[in-house]
Amino acid sequence: MKLHLSGPTGHNLFTGYGTDHVMINHVRYDHSLIVLPDRLIEEWEAKTFEELNTEHFQFILSLQPEMVLFGTGATLRFPHPQLTRSLIESGIGIEVMDTAAACRTYNILSAEERRVAAALLI
């Protein structure tokens, strides 16, 4: 699916996505990554849902987002609460959704100038 921008923002936005990729500012990515309005982290060490550990979420915490959208791929899967505990204890909201929903939600929150992080498994 392609998404269309309403105007230039200077922020990272999702411009498309599919089952095996996302597009950020019209550039295709086919691996797990973290997207913030002003930063793109292409080398997020989380590759698959089964490999997730607390260090992956500790890294997200170090980025100091206000909210995290965790995209779990084509299928919605909830991580064990122990993995996300550091975010919750720090007062950072986390929403778990499939990756397509995370892309759409990120664009809305980013347009509201929220400090949102989309952590996506591709």
PDB file of N, CA and C in Angstrom:
ATOM      1  N   MET A   1       0.847  -1.167   0.000  1.00  0.00           N
ATOM      2  CA  MET A   1       0.000   0.000   0.000  1.00  0.00           C
ATOM      3  C   MET A   1       0.889   1.225   0.000  1.00  0.00           C
ATOM      4  N   LYS A   2       0.499   2.243  -0.751  1.00  0.00           N
ATOM      5  CA  LYS A   2       1.216   3.508  -0.761  1.00  0.00           C
ATOM      6  C   LYS A   2       0.475   4.505   0.105  1.00  0.00           C
ATOM      7  N   LEU A   3       1.228   5.308   0.810  1.00  0.00           N
ATOM      8  CA  LEU A   3       0.662   6.397   1.597  1.00  0.00           C
ATOM      9  C   LEU A   3       1.100   7.692   0.940  1.00  0.00           C
ATOM     10  N   HIS A   4       0.295   8.732   1.047  1.00  0.00           N
ATOM     11  CA  HIS A   4       0.628  10.003   0.432  1.00  0.00           C
ATOM     12  C   HIS A   4       0.807  11.067   1.493  1.00  0.00           C
ATOM     13  N   LEU A   5       1.824  11.890   1.316  1.00  0.00           N
ATOM     14  CA  LEU A   5       2.094  12.981   2.235  1.00  0.00           C
ATOM     15  C   LEU A   5       1.175  14.147   1.935  1.00  0.00           C
ATOM     16  N   SER A   6       0.781  14.874   2.972  1.00  0.00           N
ATOM     17  CA  SER A   6      -0.044  16.051   2.769  1.00  0.00           C
ATOM     18  C   SER A   6       0.804  17.291   2.506  1.00  0.00           C
ATOM     19  N   GLY A   7       2.084  17.205   2.724  1.00  0.00           N
ATOM     20  CA  GLY A   7       2.985  18.320   2.469  1.00  0.00           C
ATOM     21  C   GLY A   7       4.335  18.018   3.077  1.00  0.00           C
ATOM     22  N   PRO A   8       5.374  18.759   2.717  1.00  0.00           N
ATOM     23  CA  PRO A   8       6.701  18.489   3.266  1.00  0.00           C
ATOM     24  C   PRO A   8       6.761  18.833   4.743  1.00  0.00           C
ATOM     25  N   THR A   9       7.355  17.937   5.524  1.00  0.00           N
ATOM     26  CA  THR A   9       7.434  18.163   6.959  1.00  0.00           C
ATOM     27  C   THR A   9       8.865  18.195   7.466  1.00  0.00           C
ATOM     28  N   GLY A  10       9.806  17.625   6.721  1.00  0.00           N
ATOM     29  CA  GLY A  10      11.174  17.533   7.201  1.00  0.00           C
ATOM     30  C   GLY A  10      11.371  16.401   8.190  1.00  0.00           C
ATOM     31  N   HIS A  11      10.336  15.609   8.422  1.00  0.00           N
ATOM     32  CA  HIS A  11      10.412  14.480   9.339  1.00  0.00           C
ATOM     33  C   HIS A  11      10.356  13.175   8.569  1.00  0.00           C
ATOM     34  N   ASN A  12      10.812  12.108   9.212  1.00  0.00           N
ATOM     35  CA  ASN A  12      10.664  10.784   8.625  1.00  0.00           C
ATOM     36  C   ASN A  12       9.199  10.398   8.637  1.00  0.00           C
ATOM     37  N   LEU A  13       8.692   9.986   7.500  1.00  0.00           N
ATOM     38  CA  LEU A  13       7.317   9.515   7.379  1.00  0.00           C
ATOM     39  C   LEU A  13       7.282   8.246   6.556  1.00  0.00           C
ATOM     40  N   PHE A  14       6.319   7.399   6.845  1.00  0.00           N
ATOM     41  CA  PHE A  14       6.115   6.203   6.041  1.00  0.00           C
ATOM     42  C   PHE A  14       5.355   6.596   4.785  1.00  0.00           C
ATOM     43  N   THR A  15       5.923   6.236   3.646  1.00  0.00           N
ATOM     44  CA  THR A  15       5.285   6.545   2.367  1.00  0.00           C
ATOM     45  C   THR A  15       4.760   5.290   1.691  1.00  0.00           C
ATOM     46  N   GLY A  16       4.957   4.136   2.308  1.00  0.00           N
ATOM     47  CA  GLY A  16       4.425   2.885   1.788  1.00  0.00           C
ATOM     48  C   GLY A  16       4.835   1.731   2.680  1.00  0.00           C
ATOM     49  N   TYR A  17       4.175   0.595   2.479  1.00  0.00           N
ATOM     50  CA  TYR A  17       4.540  -0.615   3.210  1.00  0.00           C
ATOM     51  C   TYR A  17       3.935  -1.815   2.515  1.00  0.00           C
ATOM     52  N   GLY A  18       4.490  -2.974   2.794  1.00  0.00           N
ATOM     53  CA  GLY A  18       3.994  -4.248   2.284  1.00  0.00           C
ATOM     54  C   GLY A  18       4.331  -5.318   3.301  1.00  0.00           C
ATOM     55  N   THR A  19       4.095  -6.560   2.947  1.00  0.00           N
ATOM     56  CA  THR A  19       4.339  -7.642   3.897  1.00  0.00           C
ATOM     57  C   THR A  19       5.823  -7.854   4.181  1.00  0.00           C
ATOM     58  N   ASP A  20       6.690  -7.408   3.255  1.00  0.00           N
ATOM     59  CA  ASP A  20       8.119  -7.649   3.416  1.00  0.00           C
ATOM     60  C   ASP A  20       8.972  -6.379   3.413  1.00  0.00           C
ATOM     61  N   HIS A  21       8.333  -5.216   3.569  1.00  0.00           N
ATOM     62  CA  HIS A  21       9.104  -3.965   3.528  1.00  0.00           C
ATOM     63  C   HIS A  21       8.280  -2.797   4.065  1.00  0.00           C
ATOM     64  N   VAL A  22       8.987  -1.710   4.322  1.00  0.00           N
ATOM     65  CA  VAL A  22       8.356  -0.414   4.564  1.00  0.00           C
ATOM     66  C   VAL A  22       9.112   0.591   3.707  1.00  0.00           C
ATOM     67  N   MET A  23       8.458   1.706   3.416  1.00  0.00           N
ATOM     68  CA  MET A  23       9.115   2.792   2.704  1.00  0.00           C
ATOM     69  C   MET A  23       9.064   4.028   3.583  1.00  0.00           C
ATOM     70  N   ILE A  24      10.226   4.624   3.788  1.00  0.00           N
ATOM     71  CA  ILE A  24      10.332   5.836   4.601  1.00  0.00           C
ATOM     72  C   ILE A  24      10.885   6.919   3.689  1.00  0.00           C
ATOM     73  N   ASN A  25      10.114   7.984   3.550  1.00  0.00           N
ATOM     74  CA  ASN A  25      10.512   9.072   2.650  1.00  0.00           C
ATOM     75  C   ASN A  25      10.876   8.531   1.264  1.00  0.00           C
ATOM     76  N   HIS A  26      10.084   7.569   0.796  1.00  0.00           N
ATOM     77  CA  HIS A  26      10.204   6.957  -0.537  1.00  0.00           C
ATOM     78  C   HIS A  26      11.419   6.050  -0.700  1.00  0.00           C
ATOM     79  N   VAL A  27      12.061   5.659   0.393  1.00  0.00           N
ATOM     80  CA  VAL A  27      13.184   4.724   0.355  1.00  0.00           C
ATOM     81  C   VAL A  27      12.714   3.415   0.973  1.00  0.00           C
ATOM     82  N   ARG A  28      12.973   2.310   0.276  1.00  0.00           N
ATOM     83  CA  ARG A  28      12.515   0.994   0.720  1.00  0.00           C
ATOM     84  C   ARG A  28      13.499   0.360   1.709  1.00  0.00           C
ATOM     85  N   TYR A  29      12.923  -0.242   2.774  1.00  0.00           N
ATOM     86  CA  TYR A  29      13.706  -0.972   3.774  1.00  0.00           C
ATOM     87  C   TYR A  29      13.058  -2.343   3.952  1.00  0.00           C
ATOM     88  N   ASP A  30      13.886  -3.373   3.925  1.00  0.00           N
ATOM     89  CA  ASP A  30      13.353  -4.729   4.071  1.00  0.00           C
ATOM     90  C   ASP A  30      13.952  -5.453   5.276  1.00  0.00           C
ATOM     91  N   HIS A  31      14.313  -4.687   6.288  1.00  0.00           N
ATOM     92  CA  HIS A  31      14.846  -5.254   7.522  1.00  0.00           C
ATOM     93  C   HIS A  31      14.303  -4.461   8.716  1.00  0.00           C
ATOM     94  N   SER A  32      14.388  -5.060   9.875  1.00  0.00           N
ATOM     95  CA  SER A  32      13.894  -4.427  11.098  1.00  0.00           C
ATOM     96  C   SER A  32      14.628  -3.121  11.354  1.00  0.00           C
ATOM     97  N   LEU A  33      13.885  -2.129  11.868  1.00  0.00           N
ATOM     98  CA  LEU A  33      14.471  -0.816  12.120  1.00  0.00           C
ATOM     99  C   LEU A  33      13.617  -0.033  13.099  1.00  0.00           C
ATOM    100  N   ILE A  34      14.161   1.101  13.528  1.00  0.00           N
ATOM    101  CA  ILE A  34      13.444   2.019  14.418  1.00  0.00           C
ATOM    102  C   ILE A  34      13.381   3.370  13.720  1.00  0.00           C
ATOM    103  N   VAL A  35      12.192   3.943  13.703  1.00  0.00           N
ATOM    104  CA  VAL A  35      11.985   5.224  13.045  1.00  0.00           C
ATOM    105  C   VAL A  35      11.496   6.239  14.073  1.00  0.00           C
ATOM    106  N   LEU A  36      12.175   7.367  14.137  1.00  0.00           N
ATOM    107  CA  LEU A  36      11.743   8.514  14.923  1.00  0.00           C
ATOM    108  C   LEU A  36      11.583   9.677  13.948  1.00  0.00           C
ATOM    109  N   PRO A  37      10.856  10.702  14.330  1.00  0.00           N
ATOM    110  CA  PRO A  37      10.659  11.818  13.398  1.00  0.00           C
ATOM    111  C   PRO A  37      11.958  12.404  12.860  1.00  0.00           C
ATOM    112  N   ASP A  38      13.010  12.447  13.687  1.00  0.00           N
ATOM    113  CA  ASP A  38      14.254  13.087  13.282  1.00  0.00           C
ATOM    114  C   ASP A  38      15.431  12.131  13.136  1.00  0.00           C
ATOM    115  N   ARG A  39      15.150  10.834  13.217  1.00  0.00           N
ATOM    116  CA  ARG A  39      16.246   9.868  13.219  1.00  0.00           C
ATOM    117  C   ARG A  39      15.763   8.524  12.710  1.00  0.00           C
ATOM    118  N   LEU A  40      16.651   7.836  12.000  1.00  0.00           N
ATOM    119  CA  LEU A  40      16.355   6.504  11.495  1.00  0.00           C
ATOM    120  C   LEU A  40      17.463   5.566  11.951  1.00  0.00           C
ATOM    121  N   ILE A  41      17.079   4.483  12.634  1.00  0.00           N
ATOM    122  CA  ILE A  41      18.067   3.529  13.124  1.00  0.00           C
ATOM    123  C   ILE A  41      17.884   2.250  12.318  1.00  0.00           C
ATOM    124  N   GLU A  42      18.758   2.093  11.342  1.00  0.00           N
ATOM    125  CA  GLU A  42      18.653   0.955  10.429  1.00  0.00           C
ATOM    126  C   GLU A  42      19.253  -0.320  11.005  1.00  0.00           C
ATOM    127  N   GLU A  43      20.086  -0.199  11.991  1.00  0.00           N
ATOM    128  CA  GLU A  43      20.791  -1.369  12.524  1.00  0.00           C
ATOM    129  C   GLU A  43      20.217  -1.838  13.849  1.00  0.00           C
ATOM    130  N   TRP A  44      18.879  -1.852  13.985  1.00  0.00           N
ATOM    131  CA  TRP A  44      18.291  -2.379  15.220  1.00  0.00           C
ATOM    132  C   TRP A  44      18.551  -3.868  15.257  1.00  0.00           C
ATOM    133  N   GLU A  45      19.069  -4.340  16.355  1.00  0.00           N
ATOM    134  CA  GLU A  45      19.514  -5.725  16.449  1.00  0.00           C
ATOM    135  C   GLU A  45      18.381  -6.741  16.509  1.00  0.00           C
ATOM    136  N   ALA A  46      17.170  -6.302  16.754  1.00  0.00           N
ATOM    137  CA  ALA A  46      16.023  -7.225  16.794  1.00  0.00           C
ATOM    138  C   ALA A  46      15.684  -7.633  15.365  1.00  0.00           C
ATOM    139  N   LYS A  47      15.833  -8.888  15.062  1.00  0.00           N
ATOM    140  CA  LYS A  47      15.571  -9.367  13.700  1.00  0.00           C
ATOM    141  C   LYS A  47      14.242 -10.132  13.607  1.00  0.00           C
ATOM    142  N   THR A  48      13.955 -10.940  14.625  1.00  0.00           N
ATOM    143  CA  THR A  48      12.717 -11.720  14.623  1.00  0.00           C
ATOM    144  C   THR A  48      12.043 -11.607  15.991  1.00  0.00           C
ATOM    145  N   PHE A  49      10.765 -11.922  16.032  1.00  0.00           N
ATOM    146  CA  PHE A  49      10.014 -11.875  17.275  1.00  0.00           C
ATOM    147  C   PHE A  49      10.621 -12.828  18.298  1.00  0.00           C
ATOM    148  N   GLU A  50      11.026 -13.997  17.846  1.00  0.00           N
ATOM    149  CA  GLU A  50      11.571 -15.010  18.753  1.00  0.00           C
ATOM    150  C   GLU A  50      12.896 -14.582  19.382  1.00  0.00           C
ATOM    151  N   GLU A  51      13.648 -13.709  18.729  1.00  0.00           N
ATOM    152  CA  GLU A  51      14.949 -13.259  19.239  1.00  0.00           C
ATOM    153  C   GLU A  51      14.858 -12.078  20.189  1.00  0.00           C
ATOM    154  N   LEU A  52      13.675 -11.501  20.396  1.00  0.00           N
ATOM    155  CA  LEU A  52      13.541 -10.312  21.241  1.00  0.00           C
ATOM    156  C   LEU A  52      14.056 -10.565  22.652  1.00  0.00           C
ATOM    157  N   ASN A  53      14.750  -9.568  23.190  1.00  0.00           N
ATOM    158  CA  ASN A  53      15.193  -9.639  24.577  1.00  0.00           C
ATOM    159  C   ASN A  53      15.112  -8.246  25.194  1.00  0.00           C
ATOM    160  N   THR A  54      15.372  -8.147  26.480  1.00  0.00           N
ATOM    161  CA  THR A  54      15.227  -6.871  27.178  1.00  0.00           C
ATOM    162  C   THR A  54      16.166  -5.798  26.634  1.00  0.00           C
ATOM    163  N   GLU A  55      17.341  -6.185  26.131  1.00  0.00           N
ATOM    164  CA  GLU A  55      18.283  -5.205  25.586  1.00  0.00           C
ATOM    165  C   GLU A  55      17.701  -4.469  24.383  1.00  0.00           C
ATOM    166  N   HIS A  56      16.880  -5.137  23.580  1.00  0.00           N
ATOM    167  CA  HIS A  56      16.256  -4.469  22.430  1.00  0.00           C
ATOM    168  C   HIS A  56      15.362  -3.320  22.894  1.00  0.00           C
ATOM    169  N   PHE A  57      14.638  -3.538  23.964  1.00  0.00           N
ATOM    170  CA  PHE A  57      13.744  -2.497  24.475  1.00  0.00           C
ATOM    171  C   PHE A  57      14.508  -1.464  25.313  1.00  0.00           C
ATOM    172  N   GLN A  58      15.595  -1.870  25.939  1.00  0.00           N
ATOM    173  CA  GLN A  58      16.461  -0.907  26.638  1.00  0.00           C
ATOM    174  C   GLN A  58      17.038   0.087  25.628  1.00  0.00           C
ATOM    175  N   PHE A  59      17.399  -0.393  24.457  1.00  0.00           N
ATOM    176  CA  PHE A  59      17.921   0.498  23.425  1.00  0.00           C
ATOM    177  C   PHE A  59      16.866   1.524  23.025  1.00  0.00           C
ATOM    178  N   ILE A  60      15.627   1.083  22.860  1.00  0.00           N
ATOM    179  CA  ILE A  60      14.547   2.018  22.527  1.00  0.00           C
ATOM    180  C   ILE A  60      14.406   3.057  23.634  1.00  0.00           C
ATOM    181  N   LEU A  61      14.480   2.628  24.875  1.00  0.00           N
ATOM    182  CA  LEU A  61      14.396   3.538  26.021  1.00  0.00           C
ATOM    183  C   LEU A  61      15.473   4.628  25.932  1.00  0.00           C
ATOM    184  N   SER A  62      16.673   4.253  25.492  1.00  0.00           N
ATOM    185  CA  SER A  62      17.775   5.226  25.402  1.00  0.00           C
ATOM    186  C   SER A  62      17.499   6.329  24.374  1.00  0.00           C
ATOM    187  N   LEU A  63      16.555   6.105  23.468  1.00  0.00           N
ATOM    188  CA  LEU A  63      16.204   7.104  22.455  1.00  0.00           C
ATOM    189  C   LEU A  63      15.255   8.164  23.000  1.00  0.00           C
ATOM    190  N   GLN A  64      14.749   7.948  24.193  1.00  0.00           N
ATOM    191  CA  GLN A  64      13.864   8.869  24.910  1.00  0.00           C
ATOM    192  C   GLN A  64      12.596   9.256  24.133  1.00  0.00           C
ATOM    193  N   PRO A  65      11.875   8.259  23.625  1.00  0.00           N
ATOM    194  CA  PRO A  65      10.608   8.597  22.964  1.00  0.00           C
ATOM    195  C   PRO A  65       9.533   8.861  24.004  1.00  0.00           C
ATOM    196  N   GLU A  66       8.491   9.504  23.568  1.00  0.00           N
ATOM    197  CA  GLU A  66       7.321   9.719  24.415  1.00  0.00           C
ATOM    198  C   GLU A  66       6.400   8.497  24.339  1.00  0.00           C
ATOM    199  N   MET A  67       6.425   7.834  23.170  1.00  0.00           N
ATOM    200  CA  MET A  67       5.603   6.660  22.942  1.00  0.00           C
ATOM    201  C   MET A  67       6.294   5.751  21.940  1.00  0.00           C
ATOM    202  N   VAL A  68       6.109   4.438  22.105  1.00  0.00           N
ATOM    203  CA  VAL A  68       6.677   3.448  21.198  1.00  0.00           C
ATOM    204  C   VAL A  68       5.542   2.685  20.532  1.00  0.00           C
ATOM    205  N   LEU A  69       5.612   2.596  19.211  1.00  0.00           N
ATOM    206  CA  LEU A  69       4.714   1.747  18.435  1.00  0.00           C
ATOM    207  C   LEU A  69       5.543   0.542  18.019  1.00  0.00           C
ATOM    208  N   PHE A  70       5.208  -0.620  18.551  1.00  0.00           N
ATOM    209  CA  PHE A  70       5.977  -1.827  18.260  1.00  0.00           C
ATOM    210  C   PHE A  70       5.234  -2.624  17.207  1.00  0.00           C
ATOM    211  N   GLY A  71       5.768  -2.640  15.991  1.00  0.00           N
ATOM    212  CA  GLY A  71       5.178  -3.385  14.888  1.00  0.00           C
ATOM    213  C   GLY A  71       5.762  -4.778  14.822  1.00  0.00           C
ATOM    214  N   THR A  72       4.913  -5.781  14.960  1.00  0.00           N
ATOM    215  CA  THR A  72       5.377  -7.160  15.090  1.00  0.00           C
ATOM    216  C   THR A  72       5.361  -7.935  13.778  1.00  0.00           C
ATOM    217  N   GLY A  73       5.328  -7.251  12.650  1.00  0.00           N
ATOM    218  CA  GLY A  73       5.286  -7.932  11.359  1.00  0.00           C
ATOM    219  C   GLY A  73       3.861  -8.012  10.853  1.00  0.00           C
ATOM    220  N   ALA A  74       3.593  -8.999  10.008  1.00  0.00           N
ATOM    221  CA  ALA A  74       2.265  -9.138   9.411  1.00  0.00           C
ATOM    222  C   ALA A  74       1.228  -9.611  10.424  1.00  0.00           C
ATOM    223  N   THR A  75       1.688 -10.232  11.507  1.00  0.00           N
ATOM    224  CA  THR A  75       0.793 -10.787  12.520  1.00  0.00           C
ATOM    225  C   THR A  75       1.001 -10.074  13.845  1.00  0.00           C
ATOM    226  N   LEU A  76      -0.086  -9.746  14.504  1.00  0.00           N
ATOM    227  CA  LEU A  76      -0.021  -9.130  15.829  1.00  0.00           C
ATOM    228  C   LEU A  76       0.409 -10.175  16.848  1.00  0.00           C
ATOM    229  N   ARG A  77       1.496  -9.886  17.557  1.00  0.00           N
ATOM    230  CA  ARG A  77       2.013 -10.772  18.601  1.00  0.00           C
ATOM    231  C   ARG A  77       2.466  -9.907  19.762  1.00  0.00           C
ATOM    232  N   PHE A  78       2.133 -10.303  20.963  1.00  0.00           N
ATOM    233  CA  PHE A  78       2.484  -9.510  22.138  1.00  0.00           C
ATOM    234  C   PHE A  78       3.749 -10.046  22.801  1.00  0.00           C
ATOM    235  N   PRO A  79       4.739  -9.165  23.019  1.00  0.00           N
ATOM    236  CA  PRO A  79       5.950  -9.613  23.708  1.00  0.00           C
ATOM    237  C   PRO A  79       5.654  -9.857  25.185  1.00  0.00           C
ATOM    238  N   HIS A  80       6.476 -10.669  25.807  1.00  0.00           N
ATOM    239  CA  HIS A  80       6.341 -10.928  27.236  1.00  0.00           C
ATOM    240  C   HIS A  80       6.486  -9.598  27.982  1.00  0.00           C
ATOM    241  N   PRO A  81       5.648  -9.348  28.988  1.00  0.00           N
ATOM    242  CA  PRO A  81       5.716  -8.078  29.735  1.00  0.00           C
ATOM    243  C   PRO A  81       7.091  -7.767  30.322  1.00  0.00           C
ATOM    244  N   GLN A  82       7.853  -8.777  30.636  1.00  0.00           N
ATOM    245  CA  GLN A  82       9.199  -8.550  31.182  1.00  0.00           C
ATOM    246  C   GLN A  82      10.079  -7.801  30.182  1.00  0.00           C
ATOM    247  N   LEU A  83       9.867  -8.029  28.886  1.00  0.00           N
ATOM    248  CA  LEU A  83      10.690  -7.378  27.866  1.00  0.00           C
ATOM    249  C   LEU A  83      10.448  -5.873  27.807  1.00  0.00           C
ATOM    250  N   THR A  84       9.229  -5.450  28.015  1.00  0.00           N
ATOM    251  CA  THR A  84       8.869  -4.036  27.877  1.00  0.00           C
ATOM    252  C   THR A  84       8.806  -3.300  29.221  1.00  0.00           C
ATOM    253  N   ARG A  85       9.140  -3.985  30.287  1.00  0.00           N
ATOM    254  CA  ARG A  85       9.032  -3.410  31.634  1.00  0.00           C
ATOM    255  C   ARG A  85       9.798  -2.097  31.781  1.00  0.00           C
ATOM    256  N   SER A  86      11.000  -1.998  31.220  1.00  0.00           N
ATOM    257  CA  SER A  86      11.809  -0.778  31.381  1.00  0.00           C
ATOM    258  C   SER A  86      11.103   0.429  30.772  1.00  0.00           C
ATOM    259  N   LEU A  87      10.423   0.242  29.653  1.00  0.00           N
ATOM    260  CA  LEU A  87       9.680   1.341  29.040  1.00  0.00           C
ATOM    261  C   LEU A  87       8.526   1.773  29.933  1.00  0.00           C
ATOM    262  N   ILE A  88       7.762   0.820  30.397  1.00  0.00           N
ATOM    263  CA  ILE A  88       6.581   1.106  31.216  1.00  0.00           C
ATOM    264  C   ILE A  88       6.990   1.777  32.527  1.00  0.00           C
ATOM    265  N   GLU A  89       8.034   1.265  33.177  1.00  0.00           N
ATOM    266  CA  GLU A  89       8.487   1.846  34.441  1.00  0.00           C
ATOM    267  C   GLU A  89       9.034   3.259  34.252  1.00  0.00           C
ATOM    268  N   SER A  90       9.463   3.590  33.046  1.00  0.00           N
ATOM    269  CA  SER A  90       9.970   4.945  32.754  1.00  0.00           C
ATOM    270  C   SER A  90       8.868   5.884  32.290  1.00  0.00           C
ATOM    271  N   GLY A  91       7.636   5.393  32.252  1.00  0.00           N
ATOM    272  CA  GLY A  91       6.513   6.231  31.855  1.00  0.00           C
ATOM    273  C   GLY A  91       6.368   6.408  30.353  1.00  0.00           C
ATOM    274  N   ILE A  92       6.995   5.527  29.594  1.00  0.00           N
ATOM    275  CA  ILE A  92       6.896   5.583  28.130  1.00  0.00           C
ATOM    276  C   ILE A  92       5.811   4.610  27.692  1.00  0.00           C
ATOM    277  N   GLY A  93       4.836   5.130  26.961  1.00  0.00           N
ATOM    278  CA  GLY A  93       3.758   4.287  26.473  1.00  0.00           C
ATOM    279  C   GLY A  93       4.247   3.363  25.376  1.00  0.00           C
ATOM    280  N   ILE A  94       3.707   2.155  25.343  1.00  0.00           N
ATOM    281  CA  ILE A  94       4.027   1.216  24.264  1.00  0.00           C
ATOM    282  C   ILE A  94       2.733   0.615  23.752  1.00  0.00           C
ATOM    283  N   GLU A  95       2.582   0.663  22.454  1.00  0.00           N
ATOM    284  CA  GLU A  95       1.434   0.061  21.788  1.00  0.00           C
ATOM    285  C   GLU A  95       1.952  -1.009  20.847  1.00  0.00           C
ATOM    286  N   VAL A  96       1.387  -2.195  20.944  1.00  0.00           N
ATOM    287  CA  VAL A  96       1.789  -3.312  20.096  1.00  0.00           C
ATOM    288  C   VAL A  96       0.737  -3.475  19.011  1.00  0.00           C
ATOM    289  N   MET A  97       1.194  -3.563  17.769  1.00  0.00           N
ATOM    290  CA  MET A  97       0.280  -3.718  16.632  1.00  0.00           C
ATOM    291  C   MET A  97       1.041  -4.352  15.480  1.00  0.00           C
ATOM    292  N   ASP A  98       0.309  -4.757  14.439  1.00  0.00           N
ATOM    293  CA  ASP A  98       1.032  -5.261  13.281  1.00  0.00           C
ATOM    294  C   ASP A  98       1.775  -4.097  12.636  1.00  0.00           C
ATOM    295  N   THR A  99       2.745  -4.396  11.807  1.00  0.00           N
ATOM    296  CA  THR A  99       3.615  -3.359  11.265  1.00  0.00           C
ATOM    297  C   THR A  99       2.863  -2.355  10.398  1.00  0.00           C
ATOM    298  N   ALA A 100       1.894  -2.803   9.618  1.00  0.00           N
ATOM    299  CA  ALA A 100       1.118  -1.877   8.780  1.00  0.00           C
ATOM    300  C   ALA A 100       0.387  -0.847   9.645  1.00  0.00           C
ATOM    301  N   ALA A 101      -0.237  -1.296  10.714  1.00  0.00           N
ATOM    302  CA  ALA A 101      -0.938  -0.380  11.616  1.00  0.00           C
ATOM    303  C   ALA A 101       0.048   0.564  12.301  1.00  0.00           C
ATOM    304  N   ALA A 102       1.228   0.066  12.651  1.00  0.00           N
ATOM    305  CA  ALA A 102       2.242   0.919  13.280  1.00  0.00           C
ATOM    306  C   ALA A 102       2.677   2.032  12.328  1.00  0.00           C
ATOM    307  N   CYS A 103       2.813   1.719  11.043  1.00  0.00           N
ATOM    308  CA  CYS A 103       3.192   2.750  10.054  1.00  0.00           C
ATOM    309  C   CYS A 103       2.132   3.844   9.983  1.00  0.00           C
ATOM    310  N   ARG A 104       0.885   3.455   9.889  1.00  0.00           N
ATOM    311  CA  ARG A 104      -0.202   4.441   9.787  1.00  0.00           C
ATOM    312  C   ARG A 104      -0.298   5.287  11.057  1.00  0.00           C
ATOM    313  N   THR A 105      -0.209   4.643  12.201  1.00  0.00           N
ATOM    314  CA  THR A 105      -0.328   5.347  13.476  1.00  0.00           C
ATOM    315  C   THR A 105       0.855   6.289  13.680  1.00  0.00           C
ATOM    316  N   TYR A 106       2.040   5.842  13.316  1.00  0.00           N
ATOM    317  CA  TYR A 106       3.229   6.689  13.427  1.00  0.00           C
ATOM    318  C   TYR A 106       3.036   7.989  12.640  1.00  0.00           C
ATOM    319  N   ASN A 107       2.552   7.898  11.409  1.00  0.00           N
ATOM    320  CA  ASN A 107       2.379   9.103  10.594  1.00  0.00           C
ATOM    321  C   ASN A 107       1.426  10.095  11.254  1.00  0.00           C
ATOM    322  N   ILE A 108       0.372   9.600  11.860  1.00  0.00           N
ATOM    323  CA  ILE A 108      -0.589  10.477  12.535  1.00  0.00           C
ATOM    324  C   ILE A 108       0.062  11.160  13.736  1.00  0.00           C
ATOM    325  N   LEU A 109       0.726  10.386  14.573  1.00  0.00           N
ATOM    326  CA  LEU A 109       1.351  10.953  15.774  1.00  0.00           C
ATOM    327  C   LEU A 109       2.513  11.880  15.422  1.00  0.00           C
ATOM    328  N   SER A 110       3.263  11.532  14.407  1.00  0.00           N
ATOM    329  CA  SER A 110       4.360  12.393  13.971  1.00  0.00           C
ATOM    330  C   SER A 110       3.832  13.724  13.444  1.00  0.00           C
ATOM    331  N   ALA A 111       2.721  13.688  12.733  1.00  0.00           N
ATOM    332  CA  ALA A 111       2.114  14.923  12.220  1.00  0.00           C
ATOM    333  C   ALA A 111       1.664  15.826  13.369  1.00  0.00           C
ATOM    334  N   GLU A 112       1.365  15.227  14.505  1.00  0.00           N
ATOM    335  CA  GLU A 112       0.996  16.001  15.696  1.00  0.00           C
ATOM    336  C   GLU A 112       2.231  16.463  16.463  1.00  0.00           C
ATOM    337  N   GLU A 113       3.407  16.225  15.873  1.00  0.00           N
ATOM    338  CA  GLU A 113       4.694  16.600  16.458  1.00  0.00           C
ATOM    339  C   GLU A 113       4.965  15.918  17.791  1.00  0.00           C
ATOM    340  N   ARG A 114       4.535  14.669  17.888  1.00  0.00           N
ATOM    341  CA  ARG A 114       4.815  13.854  19.067  1.00  0.00           C
ATOM    342  C   ARG A 114       6.167  13.169  18.872  1.00  0.00           C
ATOM    343  N   ARG A 115       6.870  12.914  19.947  1.00  0.00           N
ATOM    344  CA  ARG A 115       8.161  12.198  19.896  1.00  0.00           C
ATOM    345  C   ARG A 115       7.858  10.712  19.956  1.00  0.00           C
ATOM    346  N   VAL A 116       7.479  10.160  18.821  1.00  0.00           N
ATOM    347  CA  VAL A 116       7.072   8.776  18.712  1.00  0.00           C
ATOM    348  C   VAL A 116       8.192   7.961  18.056  1.00  0.00           C
ATOM    349  N   ALA A 117       8.337   6.724  18.494  1.00  0.00           N
ATOM    350  CA  ALA A 117       9.288   5.799  17.885  1.00  0.00           C
ATOM    351  C   ALA A 117       8.513   4.608  17.357  1.00  0.00           C
ATOM    352  N   ALA A 118       8.759   4.248  16.116  1.00  0.00           N
ATOM    353  CA  ALA A 118       8.185   3.035  15.545  1.00  0.00           C
ATOM    354  C   ALA A 118       9.308   2.005  15.495  1.00  0.00           C
ATOM    355  N   ALA A 119       9.182   0.965  16.301  1.00  0.00           N
ATOM    356  CA  ALA A 119      10.159  -0.132  16.310  1.00  0.00           C
ATOM    357  C   ALA A 119       9.509  -1.273  15.546  1.00  0.00           C
ATOM    358  N   LEU A 120      10.054  -1.580  14.382  1.00  0.00           N
ATOM    359  CA  LEU A 120       9.370  -2.485  13.463  1.00  0.00           C
ATOM    360  C   LEU A 120      10.171  -3.744  13.168  1.00  0.00           C
ATOM    361  N   LEU A 121       9.501  -4.865  13.278  1.00  0.00           N
ATOM    362  CA  LEU A 121      10.061  -6.140  12.814  1.00  0.00           C
ATOM    363  C   LEU A 121       9.553  -6.338  11.383  1.00  0.00           C
ATOM    364  N   ILE A 122      10.470  -6.547  10.467  1.00  0.00           N
ATOM    365  CA  ILE A 122      10.103  -6.751   9.064  1.00  0.00           C
ATOM    366  C   ILE A 122      10.379  -8.186   8.695  1.00  0.00           C
TER     367      ILE A 122
END
